[in-house]
Amino acid sequence: MANNAGLSCTYVVTNSWGTGFTGVIRVTNTGASAKTGWTASWQFAGSNRLTNSWNATVAGSNPYSATNLGWNGTVGAGQSVEFGFQGNTNGGSVEAPAVTCR
């Protein structure tokens, strides 16, 4: 990965129901030049766990990390890419953890 200062990530819950949720993590390039290759990392404090994801390669089982796919690895200046996921609350409430990007 090259030149990834200036990336920020936002965790967004897009839907939730008693036992589960869906969401996206938005990776935004806040810098002045394109960034190539990104990784987002997060951890749930409670019992939430992912069951499925799309538009990224997600690894781990809390903490999690996600890396770009070939087609969404370059983020232009001022642009964003998103990847999505589905998860279970496992008896807890839906969380929105902090996400770090690099």
PDB file of N, CA and C in Angstrom:
ATOM      1  N   MET A   1       0.845  -1.190   0.000  1.00  0.00           N
ATOM      2  CA  MET A   1       0.000   0.000   0.000  1.00  0.00           C
ATOM      3  C   MET A   1       0.881   1.242   0.000  1.00  0.00           C
ATOM      4  N   ALA A   2       0.408   2.241  -0.667  1.00  0.00           N
ATOM      5  CA  ALA A   2       1.217   3.441  -0.795  1.00  0.00           C
ATOM      6  C   ALA A   2       0.419   4.680  -0.407  1.00  0.00           C
ATOM      7  N   ASN A   3       1.056   5.585   0.286  1.00  0.00           N
ATOM      8  CA  ASN A   3       0.541   6.932   0.516  1.00  0.00           C
ATOM      9  C   ASN A   3      -0.891   6.958   1.035  1.00  0.00           C
ATOM     10  N   ASN A   4      -1.116   6.420   2.242  1.00  0.00           N
ATOM     11  CA  ASN A   4      -2.478   6.345   2.744  1.00  0.00           C
ATOM     12  C   ASN A   4      -2.791   7.309   3.880  1.00  0.00           C
ATOM     13  N   ALA A   5      -1.931   8.283   4.144  1.00  0.00           N
ATOM     14  CA  ALA A   5      -2.317   9.335   5.076  1.00  0.00           C
ATOM     15  C   ALA A   5      -3.500  10.067   4.459  1.00  0.00           C
ATOM     16  N   GLY A   6      -4.445  10.493   5.269  1.00  0.00           N
ATOM     17  CA  GLY A   6      -5.592  11.216   4.735  1.00  0.00           C
ATOM     18  C   GLY A   6      -6.791  10.345   4.450  1.00  0.00           C
ATOM     19  N   LEU A   7      -6.806   9.118   4.958  1.00  0.00           N
ATOM     20  CA  LEU A   7      -8.006   8.284   4.836  1.00  0.00           C
ATOM     21  C   LEU A   7      -8.783   8.335   6.144  1.00  0.00           C
ATOM     22  N   SER A   8     -10.099   8.376   6.041  1.00  0.00           N
ATOM     23  CA  SER A   8     -10.942   8.288   7.232  1.00  0.00           C
ATOM     24  C   SER A   8     -12.039   7.265   6.963  1.00  0.00           C
ATOM     25  N   CYS A   9     -12.523   6.641   8.027  1.00  0.00           N
ATOM     26  CA  CYS A   9     -13.564   5.624   7.907  1.00  0.00           C
ATOM     27  C   CYS A   9     -14.748   5.977   8.790  1.00  0.00           C
ATOM     28  N   THR A  10     -15.938   5.664   8.297  1.00  0.00           N
ATOM     29  CA  THR A  10     -17.164   5.889   9.040  1.00  0.00           C
ATOM     30  C   THR A  10     -17.975   4.603   9.036  1.00  0.00           C
ATOM     31  N   TYR A  11     -18.420   4.164  10.211  1.00  0.00           N
ATOM     32  CA  TYR A  11     -19.255   2.972  10.375  1.00  0.00           C
ATOM     33  C   TYR A  11     -20.710   3.430  10.395  1.00  0.00           C
ATOM     34  N   VAL A  12     -21.539   2.893   9.510  1.00  0.00           N
ATOM     35  CA  VAL A  12     -22.932   3.308   9.390  1.00  0.00           C
ATOM     36  C   VAL A  12     -23.839   2.072   9.485  1.00  0.00           C
ATOM     37  N   VAL A  13     -24.747   2.056  10.447  1.00  0.00           N
ATOM     38  CA  VAL A  13     -25.759   1.001  10.525  1.00  0.00           C
ATOM     39  C   VAL A  13     -26.860   1.361   9.537  1.00  0.00           C
ATOM     40  N   THR A  14     -27.123   0.489   8.551  1.00  0.00           N
ATOM     41  CA  THR A  14     -28.119   0.790   7.529  1.00  0.00           C
ATOM     42  C   THR A  14     -29.477   0.167   7.828  1.00  0.00           C
ATOM     43  N   ASN A  15     -29.506  -0.874   8.651  1.00  0.00           N
ATOM     44  CA  ASN A  15     -30.768  -1.505   9.027  1.00  0.00           C
ATOM     45  C   ASN A  15     -30.513  -2.328  10.274  1.00  0.00           C
ATOM     46  N   SER A  16     -31.524  -2.450  11.136  1.00  0.00           N
ATOM     47  CA  SER A  16     -31.385  -3.311  12.301  1.00  0.00           C
ATOM     48  C   SER A  16     -32.736  -3.873  12.669  1.00  0.00           C
ATOM     49  N   TRP A  17     -32.711  -5.049  13.228  1.00  0.00           N
ATOM     50  CA  TRP A  17     -33.893  -5.730  13.728  1.00  0.00           C
ATOM     51  C   TRP A  17     -33.468  -6.446  14.986  1.00  0.00           C
ATOM     52  N   GLY A  18     -34.352  -7.080  15.680  1.00  0.00           N
ATOM     53  CA  GLY A  18     -34.056  -7.635  17.003  1.00  0.00           C
ATOM     54  C   GLY A  18     -32.779  -8.446  17.109  1.00  0.00           C
ATOM     55  N   THR A  19     -32.520  -9.310  16.146  1.00  0.00           N
ATOM     56  CA  THR A  19     -31.378 -10.214  16.279  1.00  0.00           C
ATOM     57  C   THR A  19     -30.230  -9.897  15.329  1.00  0.00           C
ATOM     58  N   GLY A  20     -30.386  -8.896  14.466  1.00  0.00           N
ATOM     59  CA  GLY A  20     -29.332  -8.649  13.497  1.00  0.00           C
ATOM     60  C   GLY A  20     -29.293  -7.232  12.974  1.00  0.00           C
ATOM     61  N   PHE A  21     -28.369  -7.018  12.053  1.00  0.00           N
ATOM     62  CA  PHE A  21     -28.161  -5.680  11.498  1.00  0.00           C
ATOM     63  C   PHE A  21     -27.413  -5.788  10.179  1.00  0.00           C
ATOM     64  N   THR A  22     -27.497  -4.726   9.389  1.00  0.00           N
ATOM     65  CA  THR A  22     -26.643  -4.537   8.223  1.00  0.00           C
ATOM     66  C   THR A  22     -25.996  -3.166   8.350  1.00  0.00           C
ATOM     67  N   GLY A  23     -24.883  -3.009   7.671  1.00  0.00           N
ATOM     68  CA  GLY A  23     -24.197  -1.728   7.716  1.00  0.00           C
ATOM     69  C   GLY A  23     -23.163  -1.618   6.624  1.00  0.00           C
ATOM     70  N   VAL A  24     -22.563  -0.447   6.570  1.00  0.00           N
ATOM     71  CA  VAL A  24     -21.460  -0.195   5.646  1.00  0.00           C
ATOM     72  C   VAL A  24     -20.354   0.532   6.400  1.00  0.00           C
ATOM     73  N   ILE A  25     -19.157   0.373   5.899  1.00  0.00           N
ATOM     74  CA  ILE A  25     -18.049   1.225   6.323  1.00  0.00           C
ATOM     75  C   ILE A  25     -17.631   2.009   5.098  1.00  0.00           C
ATOM     76  N   ARG A  26     -17.643   3.320   5.251  1.00  0.00           N
ATOM     77  CA  ARG A  26     -17.296   4.236   4.168  1.00  0.00           C
ATOM     78  C   ARG A  26     -15.848   4.674   4.363  1.00  0.00           C
ATOM     79  N   VAL A  27     -15.024   4.430   3.367  1.00  0.00           N
ATOM     80  CA  VAL A  27     -13.619   4.827   3.377  1.00  0.00           C
ATOM     81  C   VAL A  27     -13.507   6.086   2.517  1.00  0.00           C
ATOM     82  N   THR A  28     -13.098   7.194   3.126  1.00  0.00           N
ATOM     83  CA  THR A  28     -13.053   8.480   2.433  1.00  0.00           C
ATOM     84  C   THR A  28     -11.615   8.977   2.360  1.00  0.00           C
ATOM     85  N   ASN A  29     -11.253   9.453   1.190  1.00  0.00           N
ATOM     86  CA  ASN A  29      -9.942  10.057   0.979  1.00  0.00           C
ATOM     87  C   ASN A  29     -10.064  11.546   1.262  1.00  0.00           C
ATOM     88  N   THR A  30      -9.483  11.994   2.376  1.00  0.00           N
ATOM     89  CA  THR A  30      -9.536  13.406   2.745  1.00  0.00           C
ATOM     90  C   THR A  30      -8.305  14.166   2.256  1.00  0.00           C
ATOM     91  N   GLY A  31      -7.432  13.471   1.535  1.00  0.00           N
ATOM     92  CA  GLY A  31      -6.199  14.092   1.046  1.00  0.00           C
ATOM     93  C   GLY A  31      -6.378  14.748  -0.310  1.00  0.00           C
ATOM     94  N   ALA A  32      -5.269  15.230  -0.843  1.00  0.00           N
ATOM     95  CA  ALA A  32      -5.279  15.969  -2.107  1.00  0.00           C
ATOM     96  C   ALA A  32      -4.888  15.111  -3.304  1.00  0.00           C
ATOM     97  N   SER A  33      -4.509  13.847  -3.075  1.00  0.00           N
ATOM     98  CA  SER A  33      -4.145  12.969  -4.184  1.00  0.00           C
ATOM     99  C   SER A  33      -4.755  11.583  -3.960  1.00  0.00           C
ATOM    100  N   ALA A  34      -4.849  10.819  -5.021  1.00  0.00           N
ATOM    101  CA  ALA A  34      -5.456   9.484  -4.949  1.00  0.00           C
ATOM    102  C   ALA A  34      -4.669   8.582  -3.998  1.00  0.00           C
ATOM    103  N   LYS A  35      -5.377   7.694  -3.320  1.00  0.00           N
ATOM    104  CA  LYS A  35      -4.778   6.706  -2.425  1.00  0.00           C
ATOM    105  C   LYS A  35      -5.008   5.332  -3.038  1.00  0.00           C
ATOM    106  N   THR A  36      -3.999   4.481  -2.962  1.00  0.00           N
ATOM    107  CA  THR A  36      -4.105   3.147  -3.531  1.00  0.00           C
ATOM    108  C   THR A  36      -3.928   2.112  -2.429  1.00  0.00           C
ATOM    109  N   GLY A  37      -4.945   1.292  -2.231  1.00  0.00           N
ATOM    110  CA  GLY A  37      -4.926   0.263  -1.196  1.00  0.00           C
ATOM    111  C   GLY A  37      -5.363   0.815   0.138  1.00  0.00           C
ATOM    112  N   TRP A  38      -6.306   0.151   0.785  1.00  0.00           N
ATOM    113  CA  TRP A  38      -6.785   0.602   2.089  1.00  0.00           C
ATOM    114  C   TRP A  38      -7.128  -0.605   2.963  1.00  0.00           C
ATOM    115  N   THR A  39      -7.081  -0.368   4.272  1.00  0.00           N
ATOM    116  CA  THR A  39      -7.473  -1.353   5.276  1.00  0.00           C
ATOM    117  C   THR A  39      -8.280  -0.631   6.339  1.00  0.00           C
ATOM    118  N   ALA A  40      -9.410  -1.205   6.707  1.00  0.00           N
ATOM    119  CA  ALA A  40     -10.244  -0.683   7.791  1.00  0.00           C
ATOM    120  C   ALA A  40     -10.239  -1.714   8.911  1.00  0.00           C
ATOM    121  N   SER A  41     -10.130  -1.256  10.159  1.00  0.00           N
ATOM    122  CA  SER A  41     -10.090  -2.154  11.314  1.00  0.00           C
ATOM    123  C   SER A  41     -11.054  -1.666  12.382  1.00  0.00           C
ATOM    124  N   TRP A  42     -11.746  -2.627  13.031  1.00  0.00           N
ATOM    125  CA  TRP A  42     -12.687  -2.277  14.089  1.00  0.00           C
ATOM    126  C   TRP A  42     -12.909  -3.471  14.998  1.00  0.00           C
ATOM    127  N   GLN A  43     -13.482  -3.182  16.183  1.00  0.00           N
ATOM    128  CA  GLN A  43     -13.796  -4.228  17.149  1.00  0.00           C
ATOM    129  C   GLN A  43     -15.073  -3.846  17.885  1.00  0.00           C
ATOM    130  N   PHE A  44     -15.967  -4.825  18.009  1.00  0.00           N
ATOM    131  CA  PHE A  44     -17.188  -4.622  18.779  1.00  0.00           C
ATOM    132  C   PHE A  44     -16.878  -4.780  20.260  1.00  0.00           C
ATOM    133  N   ALA A  45     -17.435  -3.893  21.085  1.00  0.00           N
ATOM    134  CA  ALA A  45     -17.226  -3.969  22.531  1.00  0.00           C
ATOM    135  C   ALA A  45     -18.120  -5.034  23.161  1.00  0.00           C
ATOM    136  N   GLY A  46     -19.276  -5.280  22.540  1.00  0.00           N
ATOM    137  CA  GLY A  46     -20.239  -6.232  23.084  1.00  0.00           C
ATOM    138  C   GLY A  46     -20.288  -7.514  22.284  1.00  0.00           C
ATOM    139  N   SER A  47     -21.500  -8.012  22.056  1.00  0.00           N
ATOM    140  CA  SER A  47     -21.684  -9.346  21.470  1.00  0.00           C
ATOM    141  C   SER A  47     -21.935  -9.345  19.963  1.00  0.00           C
ATOM    142  N   ASN A  48     -21.936  -8.182  19.314  1.00  0.00           N
ATOM    143  CA  ASN A  48     -22.154  -8.146  17.863  1.00  0.00           C
ATOM    144  C   ASN A  48     -21.041  -8.902  17.137  1.00  0.00           C
ATOM    145  N   ARG A  49     -21.427  -9.666  16.091  1.00  0.00           N
ATOM    146  CA  ARG A  49     -20.458 -10.380  15.262  1.00  0.00           C
ATOM    147  C   ARG A  49     -20.946 -10.381  13.823  1.00  0.00           C
ATOM    148  N   LEU A  50     -20.024 -10.302  12.871  1.00  0.00           N
ATOM    149  CA  LEU A  50     -20.380 -10.333  11.453  1.00  0.00           C
ATOM    150  C   LEU A  50     -20.701 -11.751  11.012  1.00  0.00           C
ATOM    151  N   THR A  51     -21.643 -11.854  10.063  1.00  0.00           N
ATOM    152  CA  THR A  51     -21.978 -13.148   9.465  1.00  0.00           C
ATOM    153  C   THR A  51     -21.727 -13.157   7.963  1.00  0.00           C
ATOM    154  N   ASN A  52     -21.613 -11.994   7.345  1.00  0.00           N
ATOM    155  CA  ASN A  52     -21.451 -11.910   5.897  1.00  0.00           C
ATOM    156  C   ASN A  52     -20.897 -10.530   5.557  1.00  0.00           C
ATOM    157  N   SER A  53     -20.211 -10.430   4.419  1.00  0.00           N
ATOM    158  CA  SER A  53     -19.708  -9.127   3.966  1.00  0.00           C
ATOM    159  C   SER A  53     -19.609  -9.131   2.456  1.00  0.00           C
ATOM    160  N   TRP A  54     -19.502  -7.933   1.881  1.00  0.00           N
ATOM    161  CA  TRP A  54     -19.372  -7.796   0.435  1.00  0.00           C
ATOM    162  C   TRP A  54     -18.558  -6.547   0.108  1.00  0.00           C
ATOM    163  N   ASN A  55     -17.914  -6.583  -1.051  1.00  0.00           N
ATOM    164  CA  ASN A  55     -17.104  -5.489  -1.601  1.00  0.00           C
ATOM    165  C   ASN A  55     -15.811  -5.224  -0.831  1.00  0.00           C
ATOM    166  N   ALA A  56     -15.362  -6.200  -0.017  1.00  0.00           N
ATOM    167  CA  ALA A  56     -14.070  -6.136   0.670  1.00  0.00           C
ATOM    168  C   ALA A  56     -13.724  -7.551   1.111  1.00  0.00           C
ATOM    169  N   THR A  57     -12.460  -7.771   1.416  1.00  0.00           N
ATOM    170  CA  THR A  57     -12.030  -9.030   2.019  1.00  0.00           C
ATOM    171  C   THR A  57     -11.949  -8.792   3.520  1.00  0.00           C
ATOM    172  N   VAL A  58     -12.857  -9.419   4.278  1.00  0.00           N
ATOM    173  CA  VAL A  58     -12.927  -9.224   5.725  1.00  0.00           C
ATOM    174  C   VAL A  58     -12.307 -10.427   6.412  1.00  0.00           C
ATOM    175  N   ALA A  59     -11.422 -10.158   7.368  1.00  0.00           N
ATOM    176  CA  ALA A  59     -10.752 -11.206   8.130  1.00  0.00           C
ATOM    177  C   ALA A  59     -10.929 -10.937   9.623  1.00  0.00           C
ATOM    178  N   GLY A  60     -10.799 -12.004  10.416  1.00  0.00           N
ATOM    179  CA  GLY A  60     -10.877 -11.872  11.862  1.00  0.00           C
ATOM    180  C   GLY A  60     -12.249 -12.216  12.382  1.00  0.00           C
ATOM    181  N   SER A  61     -12.326 -12.317  13.689  1.00  0.00           N
ATOM    182  CA  SER A  61     -13.600 -12.623  14.348  1.00  0.00           C
ATOM    183  C   SER A  61     -13.739 -11.786  15.610  1.00  0.00           C
ATOM    184  N   ASN A  62     -13.405 -10.522  15.522  1.00  0.00           N
ATOM    185  CA  ASN A  62     -13.510  -9.498  16.563  1.00  0.00           C
ATOM    186  C   ASN A  62     -12.228  -9.450  17.391  1.00  0.00           C
ATOM    187  N   PRO A  63     -11.257  -8.666  16.989  1.00  0.00           N
ATOM    188  CA  PRO A  63     -11.352  -7.588  16.003  1.00  0.00           C
ATOM    189  C   PRO A  63     -11.395  -8.084  14.553  1.00  0.00           C
ATOM    190  N   TYR A  64     -11.882  -7.181  13.692  1.00  0.00           N
ATOM    191  CA  TYR A  64     -11.995  -7.438  12.261  1.00  0.00           C
ATOM    192  C   TYR A  64     -11.076  -6.488  11.506  1.00  0.00           C
ATOM    193  N   SER A  65     -10.671  -6.912  10.312  1.00  0.00           N
ATOM    194  CA  SER A  65     -10.003  -5.999   9.389  1.00  0.00           C
ATOM    195  C   SER A  65     -10.541  -6.291   7.995  1.00  0.00           C
ATOM    196  N   ALA A  66     -10.647  -5.259   7.204  1.00  0.00           N
ATOM    197  CA  ALA A  66     -11.151  -5.381   5.835  1.00  0.00           C
ATOM    198  C   ALA A  66     -10.166  -4.708   4.903  1.00  0.00           C
ATOM    199  N   THR A  67      -9.896  -5.354   3.777  1.00  0.00           N
ATOM    200  CA  THR A  67      -9.021  -4.774   2.769  1.00  0.00           C
ATOM    201  C   THR A  67      -9.767  -4.681   1.448  1.00  0.00           C
ATOM    202  N   ASN A  68      -9.329  -3.758   0.630  1.00  0.00           N
ATOM    203  CA  ASN A  68      -9.981  -3.514  -0.654  1.00  0.00           C
ATOM    204  C   ASN A  68      -9.885  -4.724  -1.572  1.00  0.00           C
ATOM    205  N   LEU A  69     -10.790  -4.768  -2.533  1.00  0.00           N
ATOM    206  CA  LEU A  69     -10.707  -5.703  -3.643  1.00  0.00           C
ATOM    207  C   LEU A  69      -9.958  -5.003  -4.775  1.00  0.00           C
ATOM    208  N   GLY A  70      -9.663  -5.712  -5.833  1.00  0.00           N
ATOM    209  CA  GLY A  70      -8.909  -5.120  -6.932  1.00  0.00           C
ATOM    210  C   GLY A  70      -9.583  -3.913  -7.557  1.00  0.00           C
ATOM    211  N   TRP A  71     -10.896  -3.962  -7.677  1.00  0.00           N
ATOM    212  CA  TRP A  71     -11.613  -2.906  -8.389  1.00  0.00           C
ATOM    213  C   TRP A  71     -11.927  -1.681  -7.537  1.00  0.00           C
ATOM    214  N   ASN A  72     -11.796  -1.756  -6.194  1.00  0.00           N
ATOM    215  CA  ASN A  72     -12.133  -0.589  -5.357  1.00  0.00           C
ATOM    216  C   ASN A  72     -10.965  -0.154  -4.473  1.00  0.00           C
ATOM    217  N   GLY A  73      -9.742  -0.466  -4.900  1.00  0.00           N
ATOM    218  CA  GLY A  73      -8.569  -0.140  -4.096  1.00  0.00           C
ATOM    219  C   GLY A  73      -8.061   1.279  -4.241  1.00  0.00           C
ATOM    220  N   THR A  74      -8.384   1.947  -5.331  1.00  0.00           N
ATOM    221  CA  THR A  74      -7.935   3.324  -5.525  1.00  0.00           C
ATOM    222  C   THR A  74      -9.079   4.272  -5.202  1.00  0.00           C
ATOM    223  N   VAL A  75      -8.800   5.208  -4.296  1.00  0.00           N
ATOM    224  CA  VAL A  75      -9.805   6.190  -3.873  1.00  0.00           C
ATOM    225  C   VAL A  75      -9.285   7.567  -4.265  1.00  0.00           C
ATOM    226  N   GLY A  76      -9.992   8.225  -5.167  1.00  0.00           N
ATOM    227  CA  GLY A  76      -9.582   9.549  -5.617  1.00  0.00           C
ATOM    228  C   GLY A  76      -9.697  10.591  -4.520  1.00  0.00           C
ATOM    229  N   ALA A  77      -8.987  11.697  -4.676  1.00  0.00           N
ATOM    230  CA  ALA A  77      -9.051  12.798  -3.715  1.00  0.00           C
ATOM    231  C   ALA A  77     -10.498  13.244  -3.537  1.00  0.00           C
ATOM    232  N   GLY A  78     -10.960  13.311  -2.296  1.00  0.00           N
ATOM    233  CA  GLY A  78     -12.323  13.740  -2.000  1.00  0.00           C
ATOM    234  C   GLY A  78     -13.391  12.692  -2.288  1.00  0.00           C
ATOM    235  N   GLN A  79     -13.003  11.490  -2.669  1.00  0.00           N
ATOM    236  CA  GLN A  79     -13.954  10.433  -3.014  1.00  0.00           C
ATOM    237  C   GLN A  79     -14.057   9.399  -1.893  1.00  0.00           C
ATOM    238  N   SER A  80     -15.079   8.534  -1.982  1.00  0.00           N
ATOM    239  CA  SER A  80     -15.297   7.479  -0.994  1.00  0.00           C
ATOM    240  C   SER A  80     -15.614   6.164  -1.681  1.00  0.00           C
ATOM    241  N   VAL A  81     -15.314   5.078  -1.007  1.00  0.00           N
ATOM    242  CA  VAL A  81     -15.778   3.748  -1.380  1.00  0.00           C
ATOM    243  C   VAL A  81     -16.427   3.146  -0.145  1.00  0.00           C
ATOM    244  N   GLU A  82     -17.318   2.190  -0.360  1.00  0.00           N
ATOM    245  CA  GLU A  82     -18.000   1.536   0.757  1.00  0.00           C
ATOM    246  C   GLU A  82     -17.936   0.032   0.591  1.00  0.00           C
ATOM    247  N   PHE A  83     -17.961  -0.668   1.723  1.00  0.00           N
ATOM    248  CA  PHE A  83     -18.193  -2.105   1.713  1.00  0.00           C
ATOM    249  C   PHE A  83     -19.244  -2.398   2.766  1.00  0.00           C
ATOM    250  N   GLY A  84     -19.968  -3.486   2.567  1.00  0.00           N
ATOM    251  CA  GLY A  84     -21.094  -3.776   3.428  1.00  0.00           C
ATOM    252  C   GLY A  84     -20.936  -5.072   4.186  1.00  0.00           C
ATOM    253  N   PHE A  85     -21.823  -5.251   5.172  1.00  0.00           N
ATOM    254  CA  PHE A  85     -21.780  -6.437   6.009  1.00  0.00           C
ATOM    255  C   PHE A  85     -23.132  -6.669   6.669  1.00  0.00           C
ATOM    256  N   GLN A  86     -23.315  -7.887   7.131  1.00  0.00           N
ATOM    257  CA  GLN A  86     -24.479  -8.281   7.921  1.00  0.00           C
ATOM    258  C   GLN A  86     -23.957  -8.952   9.169  1.00  0.00           C
ATOM    259  N   GLY A  87     -24.687  -8.810  10.264  1.00  0.00           N
ATOM    260  CA  GLY A  87     -24.234  -9.422  11.509  1.00  0.00           C
ATOM    261  C   GLY A  87     -25.367  -9.776  12.436  1.00  0.00           C
ATOM    262  N   ASN A  88     -25.022 -10.488  13.492  1.00  0.00           N
ATOM    263  CA  ASN A  88     -25.945 -10.857  14.565  1.00  0.00           C
ATOM    264  C   ASN A  88     -25.626 -10.048  15.807  1.00  0.00           C
ATOM    265  N   THR A  89     -26.664  -9.691  16.565  1.00  0.00           N
ATOM    266  CA  THR A  89     -26.445  -8.978  17.821  1.00  0.00           C
ATOM    267  C   THR A  89     -26.132  -9.942  18.957  1.00  0.00           C
ATOM    268  N   ASN A  90     -26.489 -11.235  18.806  1.00  0.00           N
ATOM    269  CA  ASN A  90     -26.227 -12.250  19.823  1.00  0.00           C
ATOM    270  C   ASN A  90     -26.733 -11.827  21.201  1.00  0.00           C
ATOM    271  N   GLY A  91     -27.933 -11.251  21.219  1.00  0.00           N
ATOM    272  CA  GLY A  91     -28.572 -10.862  22.474  1.00  0.00           C
ATOM    273  C   GLY A  91     -28.245  -9.461  22.941  1.00  0.00           C
ATOM    274  N   GLY A  92     -27.324  -8.783  22.271  1.00  0.00           N
ATOM    275  CA  GLY A  92     -26.966  -7.420  22.658  1.00  0.00           C
ATOM    276  C   GLY A  92     -27.720  -6.410  21.816  1.00  0.00           C
ATOM    277  N   SER A  93     -27.333  -5.156  21.941  1.00  0.00           N
ATOM    278  CA  SER A  93     -27.913  -4.117  21.097  1.00  0.00           C
ATOM    279  C   SER A  93     -26.944  -3.822  19.955  1.00  0.00           C
ATOM    280  N   VAL A  94     -27.449  -3.192  18.903  1.00  0.00           N
ATOM    281  CA  VAL A  94     -26.629  -2.895  17.734  1.00  0.00           C
ATOM    282  C   VAL A  94     -25.564  -1.865  18.117  1.00  0.00           C
ATOM    283  N   GLU A  95     -24.340  -2.158  17.730  1.00  0.00           N
ATOM    284  CA  GLU A  95     -23.208  -1.275  18.039  1.00  0.00           C
ATOM    285  C   GLU A  95     -22.752  -0.518  16.800  1.00  0.00           C
ATOM    286  N   ALA A  96     -22.082   0.585  17.022  1.00  0.00           N
ATOM    287  CA  ALA A  96     -21.430   1.338  15.947  1.00  0.00           C
ATOM    288  C   ALA A  96     -20.017   1.675  16.423  1.00  0.00           C
ATOM    289  N   PRO A  97     -19.091   0.722  16.291  1.00  0.00           N
ATOM    290  CA  PRO A  97     -17.734   0.936  16.832  1.00  0.00           C
ATOM    291  C   PRO A  97     -16.917   1.923  16.020  1.00  0.00           C
ATOM    292  N   ALA A  98     -15.886   2.438  16.636  1.00  0.00           N
ATOM    293  CA  ALA A  98     -14.922   3.289  15.943  1.00  0.00           C
ATOM    294  C   ALA A  98     -14.150   2.435  14.944  1.00  0.00           C
ATOM    295  N   VAL A  99     -13.815   3.010  13.802  1.00  0.00           N
ATOM    296  CA  VAL A  99     -13.073   2.311  12.753  1.00  0.00           C
ATOM    297  C   VAL A  99     -11.804   3.090  12.458  1.00  0.00           C
ATOM    298  N   THR A 100     -10.684   2.393  12.349  1.00  0.00           N
ATOM    299  CA  THR A 100      -9.446   3.043  11.938  1.00  0.00           C
ATOM    300  C   THR A 100      -9.136   2.654  10.504  1.00  0.00           C
ATOM    301  N   CYS A 101      -8.550   3.571   9.766  1.00  0.00           N
ATOM    302  CA  CYS A 101      -8.200   3.358   8.359  1.00  0.00           C
ATOM    303  C   CYS A 101      -6.722   3.595   8.152  1.00  0.00           C
ATOM    304  N   ARG A 102      -6.208   2.806   7.216  1.00  0.00           N
ATOM    305  CA  ARG A 102      -4.843   3.091   6.750  1.00  0.00           C
ATOM    306  C   ARG A 102      -4.725   2.632   5.317  1.00  0.00           C
TER     307      ARG A 102
END
